Amino acid sequence: MRSALATVALAVTVLVTVSFLVPLALLLRTHVQTEAMLAAEQRVDTAIPLLALAPDPADLAAAVARTDPAGQLCIHLPDGSRAGTTRAGAQLLSRAVQGRTALTADAPGGRDYLQPVMLGHDQVAVIEEFVPDSELNRGLSRAWTVMALLATGLVIGSVLVADRLGARVVRASRKLSHAAAALGAGDLAVRVEPAGPPELRAVGDAFNTMADRVRQLLATERELVADLSHRLRTPMTALRLAAERIGPAPVAPQLAKAVEQLEDELDAIIVAARTPLSTRPAGAHPGIAPGDPGTRPTGPAPGESCQVSEVAAHRVGFWAVLAEQQGRVCTFEATDEPTPVQLPGDHVAAVVDALVGNVFRHTPDGTRFAVSVRRTAQSVVLVVEDDGPGITDPVAALSRGASGAGSTGLGLDIARSAAESTRGRLRIGCGPLGGARVEVDLALADRNRRPLRRPWRNRHRGAQRPRSRHG
């Protein structure tokens, strides 16, 4: 913008200057030449008395020489003789004599002025005055130089003024741009000092108002999330007491452990929700604890990675207890090759919990399901499939907030976000078991990719904890 304003100012000023100075220069030249010719007429008038005072040609020549030492005056007598140096041709002299009127004509090195003078007996003498170019252009060079300097100063001044104005506008715009970028990056404390033209100052005031409003809305939202999470403490406490009253049954320790884990994650949600965004670790989702199974992964933190097969085995082991109670067959297969991905273990665990939880929520008791982890040349593929009714509309199932199955659609959205954060993808289809099949491609963190799949499986009386086939 700054260079554009300077260019426009330069072009406009040059056009205006040329349109005024060119006619002014021509008018000045005409004025100087007119003044020179008027001076020549005056000198001719002073030479007319010489015709009467010195009628003899010799005396007239001497008088002309004394009067005009520069050799610009010449008197042409009726008999064809002359006194002085002439520069006019015979045709021009004949026109002056016959027309008996003053003539002006260009001559080499200047301009001639011829004035006829009536003598006795109808005789006509012609007085010729030569005006050299030095007199016709006297002072023009200096005047034109001054005009050119003034024009140059005017152009430079206008460009400098436009540049200063542009710099002021650009500086204010750049500050506003940097503040907007900082606000977009999560710095809610950034503000701008309104500067520049009135329009930019109004934009700066509007930006500050918007930033204040955004900060207020986010603070209100964090408090709302924290309050809603805190309201879950009462039913969680009742659930813990109920688990303690169950007694030493095999399910009681698992239920107590699940309740304890849920309480820890609920505390993490409340703490994270009330933590200002400016002090929250990069990648943490506002109002949600990073380890919460309901967290939507926003991208891997730098340097954080995990082994998908290890995380998946741990989470499937957790779900296997509930599967056994509902009479489900739980199968897990994983490659023995390393399966590193650039995601925290909490995020991968959230993906497994979301997909396996969907099986429990949307299929009847006794439905089989299988979880497998395999490694390809470029990614780690996590697959969860079942022999339930399947997913009739995969597009609707991937819509956050409306899955098409009566839920919020958050589970599949968590898996898709985790895959996309590693430049992978999520696919939904029909698997060999006849029900839904969800594949999550997670890009490998390690580029040494040599696929080798050695699965392990466990089946015992409908459902058991998964263990390795090799031990």
Protein backbone atom coordinates (compact mmCIF):
# COMPACT_ATOMS: atom_id res chain seq x y z
CA MET A 1 0.00 0.00 0.00
CA ARG A 2 2.83 2.38 0.85
CA SER A 3 4.49 2.05 -2.57
CA ALA A 4 1.14 2.23 -4.31
CA LEU A 5 0.27 5.53 -2.63
CA ALA A 6 3.70 6.96 -3.49
CA THR A 7 3.32 5.86 -7.12
CA VAL A 8 -0.14 7.43 -7.40
CA ALA A 9 1.11 10.67 -5.86
CA LEU A 10 4.08 10.71 -8.25
CA ALA A 11 1.90 10.15 -11.31
CA VAL A 12 -0.72 12.74 -10.34
CA THR A 13 1.85 15.38 -9.39
CA VAL A 14 3.84 14.88 -12.61
CA LEU A 15 0.69 15.19 -14.72
CA VAL A 16 -0.46 18.34 -12.93
CA THR A 17 3.02 19.89 -13.06
CA VAL A 18 3.48 19.20 -16.76
CA SER A 19 0.01 20.50 -17.61
CA PHE A 20 0.80 23.82 -15.90
CA LEU A 21 4.50 24.30 -16.57
CA VAL A 22 4.56 23.57 -20.32
CA PRO A 23 2.03 26.31 -21.19
CA LEU A 24 3.72 28.64 -18.72
CA ALA A 25 7.13 28.05 -20.33
CA LEU A 26 5.73 28.73 -23.81
CA LEU A 27 3.99 31.88 -22.60
CA LEU A 28 7.22 33.10 -21.01
CA ARG A 29 9.14 32.57 -24.24
CA THR A 30 6.52 34.49 -26.23
CA HIS A 31 6.66 37.33 -23.71
CA VAL A 32 10.49 37.57 -23.92
CA GLN A 33 10.46 37.58 -27.72
CA THR A 34 7.75 40.22 -27.79
CA GLU A 35 9.78 42.41 -25.44
CA ALA A 36 12.83 41.98 -27.69
CA MET A 37 10.90 43.02 -30.81
CA LEU A 38 9.44 46.06 -29.04
CA ALA A 39 12.97 47.11 -28.12
CA ALA A 40 13.95 46.71 -31.79
CA GLU A 41 11.04 48.96 -32.84
CA GLN A 42 12.20 51.60 -30.40
CA ARG A 43 15.73 51.49 -31.79
CA VAL A 44 14.32 51.86 -35.32
CA ASP A 45 12.34 54.93 -34.24
CA THR A 46 15.51 56.52 -32.87
CA ALA A 47 17.26 55.90 -36.22
CA ILE A 48 14.66 57.69 -38.37
CA PRO A 49 16.10 61.19 -37.67
CA LEU A 50 19.41 60.08 -39.17
CA LEU A 51 17.83 60.19 -42.64
CA ALA A 52 17.28 63.91 -42.23
CA LEU A 53 20.48 64.79 -40.39
CA ALA A 54 22.83 62.90 -42.71
CA PRO A 55 21.46 62.85 -46.24
CA ASP A 56 24.85 61.99 -47.72
CA PRO A 57 25.41 58.19 -47.87
CA ALA A 58 28.90 58.47 -46.41
CA ASP A 59 27.74 60.58 -43.51
CA LEU A 60 24.76 58.27 -42.98
CA ALA A 61 27.04 55.22 -42.81
CA ALA A 62 29.23 56.96 -40.25
CA ALA A 63 26.21 57.95 -38.18
CA VAL A 64 24.84 54.39 -38.27
CA ALA A 65 28.21 53.02 -37.18
CA ARG A 66 28.30 55.41 -34.23
CA THR A 67 24.69 54.72 -33.29
CA ASP A 68 24.87 50.92 -33.63
CA PRO A 69 28.34 49.54 -32.87
CA ALA A 70 26.88 45.96 -32.68
CA GLY A 71 26.07 46.02 -36.38
CA GLN A 72 22.35 45.27 -36.01
CA LEU A 73 21.06 48.44 -37.76
CA CYS A 74 20.95 48.94 -41.55
CA ILE A 75 19.32 51.79 -43.55
CA HIS A 76 18.30 51.04 -47.13
CA LEU A 77 18.09 54.19 -49.29
CA PRO A 78 15.76 54.60 -52.27
CA ASP A 79 18.67 54.51 -54.77
CA GLY A 80 19.61 51.02 -53.63
CA SER A 81 22.55 51.99 -51.43
CA ARG A 82 22.62 51.12 -47.74
CA ALA A 83 24.35 52.06 -44.57
CA GLY A 84 25.14 49.14 -42.27
CA THR A 85 24.98 45.35 -42.50
CA THR A 86 21.84 43.84 -43.96
CA ARG A 87 20.44 40.38 -43.44
CA ALA A 88 17.16 40.80 -45.35
CA GLY A 89 16.73 39.46 -48.84
CA ALA A 90 15.73 41.55 -51.87
CA GLN A 91 12.25 40.07 -51.94
CA LEU A 92 11.60 41.02 -48.32
CA LEU A 93 12.86 44.58 -48.98
CA SER A 94 10.64 44.86 -52.05
CA ARG A 95 7.62 43.80 -50.00
CA ALA A 96 8.38 46.41 -47.37
CA VAL A 97 8.81 49.17 -49.97
CA GLN A 98 5.73 48.26 -51.96
CA GLY A 99 3.54 47.53 -48.98
CA ARG A 100 4.86 50.48 -47.00
CA THR A 101 4.22 48.61 -43.79
CA ALA A 102 6.47 47.12 -41.11
CA LEU A 103 7.53 43.51 -41.59
CA THR A 104 9.07 40.88 -39.34
CA ALA A 105 10.85 37.85 -40.72
CA ASP A 106 13.16 35.14 -39.46
CA ALA A 107 16.80 35.42 -40.38
CA PRO A 108 19.84 33.25 -39.75
CA GLY A 109 20.73 33.64 -36.08
CA GLY A 110 17.77 35.80 -35.17
CA ARG A 111 14.89 37.88 -36.53
CA ASP A 112 14.69 40.97 -38.83
CA TYR A 113 12.42 43.96 -38.31
CA LEU A 114 11.90 46.23 -41.36
CA GLN A 115 10.28 49.68 -41.03
CA PRO A 116 9.55 51.71 -44.25
CA VAL A 117 10.13 55.51 -43.98
CA MET A 118 8.49 57.95 -46.45
CA LEU A 119 10.85 60.54 -47.99
CA GLY A 120 10.16 63.35 -50.38
CA HIS A 121 9.13 62.85 -54.01
CA ASP A 122 7.34 59.59 -53.12
CA GLN A 123 10.57 57.87 -52.22
CA VAL A 124 10.74 55.13 -49.53
CA ALA A 125 13.70 54.21 -47.36
CA VAL A 126 13.73 51.07 -45.21
CA ILE A 127 15.31 50.84 -41.77
CA GLU A 128 16.28 47.27 -40.86
CA GLU A 129 16.91 46.16 -37.26
CA PHE A 130 18.30 42.67 -36.61
CA VAL A 131 17.41 40.99 -33.28
CA PRO A 132 19.77 38.07 -32.48
CA ASP A 133 18.66 34.87 -30.74
CA SER A 134 20.50 35.90 -27.60
CA GLU A 135 18.07 38.80 -27.19
CA LEU A 136 15.03 36.75 -28.25
CA ASN A 137 15.83 34.12 -25.57
CA ARG A 138 17.37 36.33 -22.90
CA GLY A 139 16.69 34.95 -19.40
CA LEU A 140 14.67 31.95 -20.64
CA SER A 141 17.22 29.33 -19.61
CA ARG A 142 17.39 30.62 -16.07
CA ALA A 143 13.61 30.94 -15.82
CA TRP A 144 13.04 27.46 -17.17
CA THR A 145 15.67 26.05 -14.79
CA VAL A 146 13.93 27.64 -11.83
CA MET A 147 10.59 26.28 -13.00
CA ALA A 148 12.07 22.79 -13.43
CA LEU A 149 13.56 22.91 -9.92
CA LEU A 150 10.24 24.04 -8.48
CA ALA A 151 8.45 21.24 -10.33
CA THR A 152 10.99 18.68 -9.09
CA GLY A 153 10.63 19.93 -5.53
CA LEU A 154 6.85 19.76 -5.81
CA VAL A 155 6.97 16.17 -7.10
CA ILE A 156 9.44 15.05 -4.43
CA GLY A 157 7.43 16.76 -1.71
CA SER A 158 4.17 15.16 -2.78
CA VAL A 159 5.80 11.72 -2.94
CA LEU A 160 7.27 12.16 0.54
CA VAL A 161 3.94 13.28 1.97
CA ALA A 162 2.18 10.32 0.33
CA ASP A 163 4.89 7.97 1.61
CA ARG A 164 4.53 9.27 5.17
CA LEU A 165 0.78 8.91 4.97
CA GLY A 166 1.13 5.41 3.54
CA ALA A 167 3.62 4.47 6.24
CA ARG A 168 1.19 5.61 8.89
CA VAL A 169 -1.63 3.57 7.38
CA VAL A 170 0.57 0.52 6.79
CA ARG A 171 1.99 0.65 10.32
CA ALA A 172 -1.49 0.75 11.85
CA SER A 173 -2.70 -2.03 9.51
CA ARG A 174 0.33 -4.21 10.30
CA LYS A 175 -0.22 -3.86 14.05
CA LEU A 176 -3.86 -4.76 13.60
CA SER A 177 -2.90 -7.77 11.46
CA HIS A 178 -0.37 -9.01 14.03
CA ALA A 179 -2.91 -8.59 16.82
CA ALA A 180 -5.52 -10.55 14.87
CA ALA A 181 -3.00 -13.33 14.23
CA ALA A 182 -2.07 -13.42 17.90
CA LEU A 183 -5.74 -13.58 18.89
CA GLY A 184 -6.28 -16.40 16.43
CA ALA A 185 -3.32 -18.24 17.95
CA GLY A 186 -4.95 -18.08 21.39
CA ASP A 187 -3.50 -14.94 22.97
CA LEU A 188 -6.68 -13.49 24.42
CA ALA A 189 -4.81 -10.68 26.17
CA VAL A 190 -3.63 -9.02 22.95
CA ARG A 191 -5.01 -5.55 22.24
CA VAL A 192 -4.17 -2.79 19.78
CA GLU A 193 -3.65 0.92 20.24
CA PRO A 194 -6.01 2.54 17.69
CA ALA A 195 -3.93 4.63 15.28
CA GLY A 196 -3.93 5.84 11.72
CA PRO A 197 -6.87 7.28 9.78
CA PRO A 198 -10.29 7.45 11.45
CA GLU A 199 -11.43 4.29 9.66
CA LEU A 200 -8.49 2.25 10.97
CA ARG A 201 -8.96 3.67 14.46
CA ALA A 202 -12.57 2.53 14.32
CA VAL A 203 -11.41 -0.93 13.24
CA GLY A 204 -8.93 -1.01 16.13
CA ASP A 205 -11.65 -0.10 18.62
CA ALA A 206 -13.91 -2.78 17.15
CA PHE A 207 -11.08 -5.33 17.41
CA ASN A 208 -10.50 -4.54 21.07
CA THR A 209 -14.22 -4.82 21.75
CA MET A 210 -14.35 -8.16 19.94
CA ALA A 211 -11.33 -9.47 21.86
CA ASP A 212 -12.90 -8.47 25.16
CA ARG A 213 -16.14 -10.15 24.16
CA VAL A 214 -14.37 -13.34 23.03
CA ARG A 215 -12.43 -13.51 26.27
CA GLN A 216 -15.61 -12.99 28.27
CA LEU A 217 -17.50 -15.65 26.30
CA LEU A 218 -14.68 -18.19 26.66
CA ALA A 219 -14.40 -17.50 30.38
CA THR A 220 -18.15 -18.00 30.72
CA GLU A 221 -17.96 -21.20 28.70
CA ARG A 222 -15.10 -22.56 30.81
CA GLU A 223 -16.99 -21.85 33.99
CA LEU A 224 -20.08 -23.50 32.52
CA VAL A 225 -18.12 -26.61 31.60
CA ALA A 226 -16.54 -26.68 35.05
CA ASP A 227 -19.90 -26.24 36.75
CA LEU A 228 -21.54 -28.94 34.67
CA SER A 229 -18.64 -31.29 35.36
CA HIS A 230 -18.84 -30.49 39.06
CA ARG A 231 -22.51 -31.46 39.09
CA LEU A 232 -21.44 -35.01 38.22
CA ARG A 233 -19.63 -35.40 41.54
CA THR A 234 -22.81 -36.28 43.44
CA PRO A 235 -23.86 -39.22 41.20
CA MET A 236 -20.21 -40.32 41.06
CA THR A 237 -20.07 -40.42 44.85
CA ALA A 238 -23.28 -42.46 44.95
CA LEU A 239 -21.83 -44.84 42.36
CA ARG A 240 -18.68 -45.30 44.41
CA LEU A 241 -20.74 -46.10 47.55
CA ALA A 242 -22.82 -48.56 45.55
CA ALA A 243 -19.68 -50.26 44.30
CA GLU A 244 -18.38 -50.57 47.84
CA ARG A 245 -21.66 -52.16 48.96
CA ILE A 246 -21.48 -54.80 46.25
CA GLY A 247 -18.88 -56.61 48.27
CA PRO A 248 -15.98 -58.81 47.17
CA ALA A 249 -17.68 -60.02 44.01
CA PRO A 250 -15.34 -60.29 40.99
CA VAL A 251 -16.88 -57.24 39.36
CA ALA A 252 -16.53 -54.95 42.40
CA PRO A 253 -12.80 -54.21 42.07
CA GLN A 254 -13.19 -53.45 38.37
CA LEU A 255 -16.19 -51.20 39.03
CA ALA A 256 -14.38 -49.39 41.82
CA LYS A 257 -11.36 -48.91 39.57
CA ALA A 258 -13.55 -47.53 36.79
CA VAL A 259 -15.29 -45.15 39.20
CA GLU A 260 -11.92 -43.97 40.54
CA GLN A 261 -10.61 -43.39 37.04
CA LEU A 262 -13.75 -41.52 36.10
CA GLU A 263 -13.44 -39.28 39.16
CA ASP A 264 -9.81 -38.50 38.29
CA GLU A 265 -10.77 -37.59 34.76
CA LEU A 266 -13.66 -35.49 36.05
CA ASP A 267 -11.22 -33.56 38.27
CA ALA A 268 -8.95 -33.06 35.27
CA ILE A 269 -11.87 -31.68 33.27
CA ILE A 270 -12.71 -29.14 35.98
CA VAL A 271 -9.08 -28.03 36.33
CA ALA A 272 -8.58 -27.74 32.58
CA ALA A 273 -11.86 -25.89 32.11
CA ARG A 274 -10.86 -23.25 34.63
CA THR A 275 -7.31 -22.87 33.32
CA PRO A 276 -6.88 -19.72 31.18
CA LEU A 277 -6.06 -20.44 27.58
CA SER A 278 -2.80 -18.49 27.77
CA THR A 279 -1.42 -20.92 30.43
CA ARG A 280 -2.79 -24.12 28.90
CA PRO A 281 -0.34 -26.46 27.17
CA ALA A 282 -0.28 -26.34 23.39
CA GLY A 283 -2.78 -28.71 21.85
CA ALA A 284 -5.05 -28.89 24.91
CA HIS A 285 -8.70 -28.52 24.11
CA PRO A 286 -10.45 -25.69 26.02
CA GLY A 287 -12.46 -26.94 28.93
CA ILE A 288 -11.48 -30.62 28.41
CA ALA A 289 -8.71 -32.46 30.15
CA PRO A 290 -6.09 -33.84 27.79
CA GLY A 291 -6.53 -37.37 29.08
CA ASP A 292 -10.31 -37.39 29.01
CA PRO A 293 -11.80 -40.14 26.79
CA GLY A 294 -14.25 -37.48 25.60
CA THR A 295 -11.44 -35.26 24.40
CA ARG A 296 -11.39 -34.39 20.75
CA PRO A 297 -7.69 -34.60 19.83
CA THR A 298 -6.54 -31.33 18.36
CA GLY A 299 -3.16 -32.50 17.13
CA PRO A 300 -0.06 -34.20 18.49
CA ALA A 301 2.11 -32.28 20.85
CA PRO A 302 5.69 -32.01 19.62
CA GLY A 303 7.78 -35.01 20.62
CA GLU A 304 4.83 -37.02 22.07
CA SER A 305 4.30 -40.48 20.62
CA CYS A 306 3.07 -43.89 21.66
CA GLN A 307 2.79 -47.48 20.49
CA VAL A 308 -0.72 -48.07 19.19
CA SER A 309 -0.63 -51.82 19.83
CA GLU A 310 0.29 -51.35 23.51
CA VAL A 311 -2.36 -48.70 24.14
CA ALA A 312 -5.02 -50.69 22.29
CA ALA A 313 -4.20 -53.87 24.22
CA HIS A 314 -4.52 -52.04 27.53
CA ARG A 315 -7.89 -50.47 26.64
CA VAL A 316 -9.34 -53.67 25.17
CA GLY A 317 -8.37 -55.42 28.40
CA PHE A 318 -10.43 -52.84 30.28
CA TRP A 319 -13.47 -53.38 28.04
CA ALA A 320 -13.13 -57.17 28.10
CA VAL A 321 -14.55 -57.30 31.63
CA LEU A 322 -17.77 -55.62 30.57
CA ALA A 323 -17.86 -57.77 27.43
CA GLU A 324 -17.75 -60.91 29.55
CA GLN A 325 -20.69 -59.70 31.62
CA GLN A 326 -22.76 -59.07 28.47
CA GLY A 327 -21.82 -62.33 26.80
CA ARG A 328 -19.83 -60.74 23.99
CA VAL A 329 -16.92 -62.38 22.20
CA CYS A 330 -13.96 -60.02 22.34
CA THR A 331 -11.06 -60.61 19.94
CA PHE A 332 -7.83 -58.64 19.73
CA GLU A 333 -5.05 -58.99 17.19
CA ALA A 334 -1.88 -56.91 16.96
CA THR A 335 1.38 -56.98 15.08
CA ASP A 336 4.64 -57.58 16.90
CA GLU A 337 6.29 -54.83 14.89
CA PRO A 338 6.59 -51.38 16.51
CA THR A 339 3.56 -49.21 15.84
CA PRO A 340 4.70 -45.67 16.77
CA VAL A 341 2.49 -42.72 15.93
CA GLN A 342 2.94 -39.03 16.68
CA LEU A 343 0.07 -38.90 19.19
CA PRO A 344 -0.03 -39.00 23.00
CA GLY A 345 -1.18 -42.26 24.49
CA ASP A 346 -4.21 -40.50 26.00
CA HIS A 347 -5.43 -39.58 22.50
CA VAL A 348 -5.03 -43.10 21.14
CA ALA A 349 -6.77 -44.48 24.24
CA ALA A 350 -9.62 -42.02 23.63
CA VAL A 351 -9.96 -43.34 20.06
CA VAL A 352 -10.12 -46.98 21.20
CA ASP A 353 -12.58 -46.16 24.00
CA ALA A 354 -14.79 -44.19 21.62
CA LEU A 355 -14.98 -46.94 18.99
CA VAL A 356 -15.37 -49.84 21.43
CA GLY A 357 -17.87 -47.81 23.47
CA ASN A 358 -19.97 -47.36 20.34
CA VAL A 359 -20.16 -51.15 20.02
CA PHE A 360 -21.53 -51.45 23.54
CA ARG A 361 -23.94 -48.55 23.09
CA HIS A 362 -25.36 -49.41 19.67
CA THR A 363 -25.39 -53.22 19.56
CA PRO A 364 -27.34 -55.68 21.69
CA ASP A 365 -25.76 -57.90 24.35
CA GLY A 366 -23.96 -60.91 22.93
CA THR A 367 -22.73 -59.07 19.83
CA ARG A 368 -19.22 -60.08 18.89
CA PHE A 369 -16.57 -57.47 18.23
CA ALA A 370 -12.92 -57.51 17.25
CA VAL A 371 -10.12 -55.01 17.61
CA SER A 372 -6.97 -55.32 15.54
CA VAL A 373 -3.82 -53.30 14.96
CA ARG A 374 -1.76 -53.82 11.84
CA ARG A 375 1.08 -51.95 10.26
CA THR A 376 1.37 -50.94 6.63
CA ALA A 377 4.17 -49.27 4.74
CA GLN A 378 3.07 -45.80 5.80
CA SER A 379 0.63 -46.09 8.66
CA VAL A 380 -0.74 -48.00 11.61
CA VAL A 381 -4.31 -49.19 11.03
CA LEU A 382 -6.59 -49.59 14.04
CA VAL A 383 -9.72 -51.60 13.16
CA VAL A 384 -12.84 -52.10 15.28
CA GLU A 385 -15.59 -54.30 13.83
CA ASP A 386 -18.64 -56.17 15.10
CA ASP A 387 -21.42 -58.45 13.90
CA GLY A 388 -24.19 -56.03 14.85
CA PRO A 389 -26.68 -54.23 12.58
CA GLY A 390 -23.95 -52.04 11.04
CA ILE A 391 -23.97 -48.36 10.11
CA THR A 392 -26.54 -47.54 7.45
CA ASP A 393 -25.40 -43.97 6.79
CA PRO A 394 -21.62 -43.47 7.23
CA VAL A 395 -21.85 -39.78 6.29
CA ALA A 396 -24.38 -39.04 9.01
CA ALA A 397 -22.36 -41.12 11.46
CA LEU A 398 -19.40 -38.80 10.99
CA SER A 399 -21.45 -35.68 11.70
CA ARG A 400 -20.53 -34.21 15.05
CA GLY A 401 -23.66 -33.58 17.05
CA ALA A 402 -25.97 -35.87 15.05
CA SER A 403 -24.67 -39.37 14.38
CA GLY A 404 -27.96 -40.69 13.08
CA ALA A 405 -28.09 -43.34 15.84
CA GLY A 406 -29.53 -41.20 18.59
CA SER A 407 -26.16 -40.12 20.02
CA THR A 408 -24.05 -36.98 19.80
CA GLY A 409 -21.73 -38.36 17.13
CA LEU A 410 -18.71 -37.44 19.23
CA GLY A 411 -17.09 -40.90 19.25
CA LEU A 412 -16.43 -41.19 15.54
CA ASP A 413 -15.50 -37.53 15.40
CA ILE A 414 -12.80 -38.16 18.02
CA ALA A 415 -11.37 -40.98 15.92
CA ARG A 416 -11.49 -38.96 12.72
CA SER A 417 -9.83 -35.94 14.33
CA ALA A 418 -7.02 -38.11 15.70
CA ALA A 419 -6.44 -39.66 12.26
CA GLU A 420 -6.46 -36.30 10.48
CA SER A 421 -4.04 -34.82 13.01
CA THR A 422 -1.46 -37.36 11.75
CA ARG A 423 -2.54 -36.84 8.13
CA GLY A 424 -4.39 -40.11 8.18
CA ARG A 425 -8.07 -40.85 7.65
CA LEU A 426 -11.06 -42.79 8.96
CA ARG A 427 -13.10 -45.25 6.92
CA ILE A 428 -16.48 -46.81 7.72
CA GLY A 429 -17.76 -49.90 6.00
CA CYS A 430 -19.01 -53.44 6.44
CA GLY A 431 -16.60 -56.00 7.87
CA PRO A 432 -16.25 -59.79 7.63
CA LEU A 433 -18.33 -60.20 10.78
CA GLY A 434 -21.30 -58.68 8.96
CA GLY A 435 -21.64 -55.52 11.01
CA ALA A 436 -19.88 -52.19 11.15
CA ARG A 437 -16.16 -51.90 10.43
CA VAL A 438 -14.26 -48.74 11.36
CA GLU A 439 -10.65 -48.32 10.22
CA VAL A 440 -8.47 -45.55 11.60
CA ASP A 441 -5.26 -44.85 9.67
CA LEU A 442 -2.60 -43.20 11.82
CA ALA A 443 0.57 -42.14 10.05
CA LEU A 444 3.74 -43.79 11.31
CA ALA A 445 6.06 -41.64 13.37
CA ASP A 446 8.98 -43.82 12.25
CA ARG A 447 9.80 -43.99 8.54
CA ASN A 448 11.48 -47.41 8.76
CA ARG A 449 8.40 -49.32 7.72
CA ARG A 450 8.55 -53.02 7.13
CA PRO A 451 5.14 -54.59 7.74
CA LEU A 452 5.07 -57.77 9.72
CA ARG A 453 1.84 -58.97 11.31
CA ARG A 454 1.85 -61.68 13.97
CA PRO A 455 -1.56 -61.55 15.65
CA TRP A 456 -2.58 -62.97 18.95
CA ARG A 457 -6.09 -63.93 19.94
CA ASN A 458 -8.03 -65.05 22.99
CA ARG A 459 -11.38 -66.63 23.20
CA HIS A 460 -12.74 -68.40 26.26
CA ARG A 461 -16.34 -69.09 27.05
CA GLY A 462 -17.63 -66.15 25.05
CA ALA A 463 -15.29 -63.44 26.42
CA GLN A 464 -12.04 -63.17 28.36
CA ARG A 465 -9.26 -60.75 28.90
CA PRO A 466 -7.11 -60.57 25.74
CA ARG A 467 -3.64 -62.07 25.97
CA SER A 468 -0.89 -62.67 23.46
CA ARG A 469 -1.04 -65.82 21.38
CA HIS A 470 2.70 -66.13 21.99
CA GLY A 471 2.45 -66.09 25.68
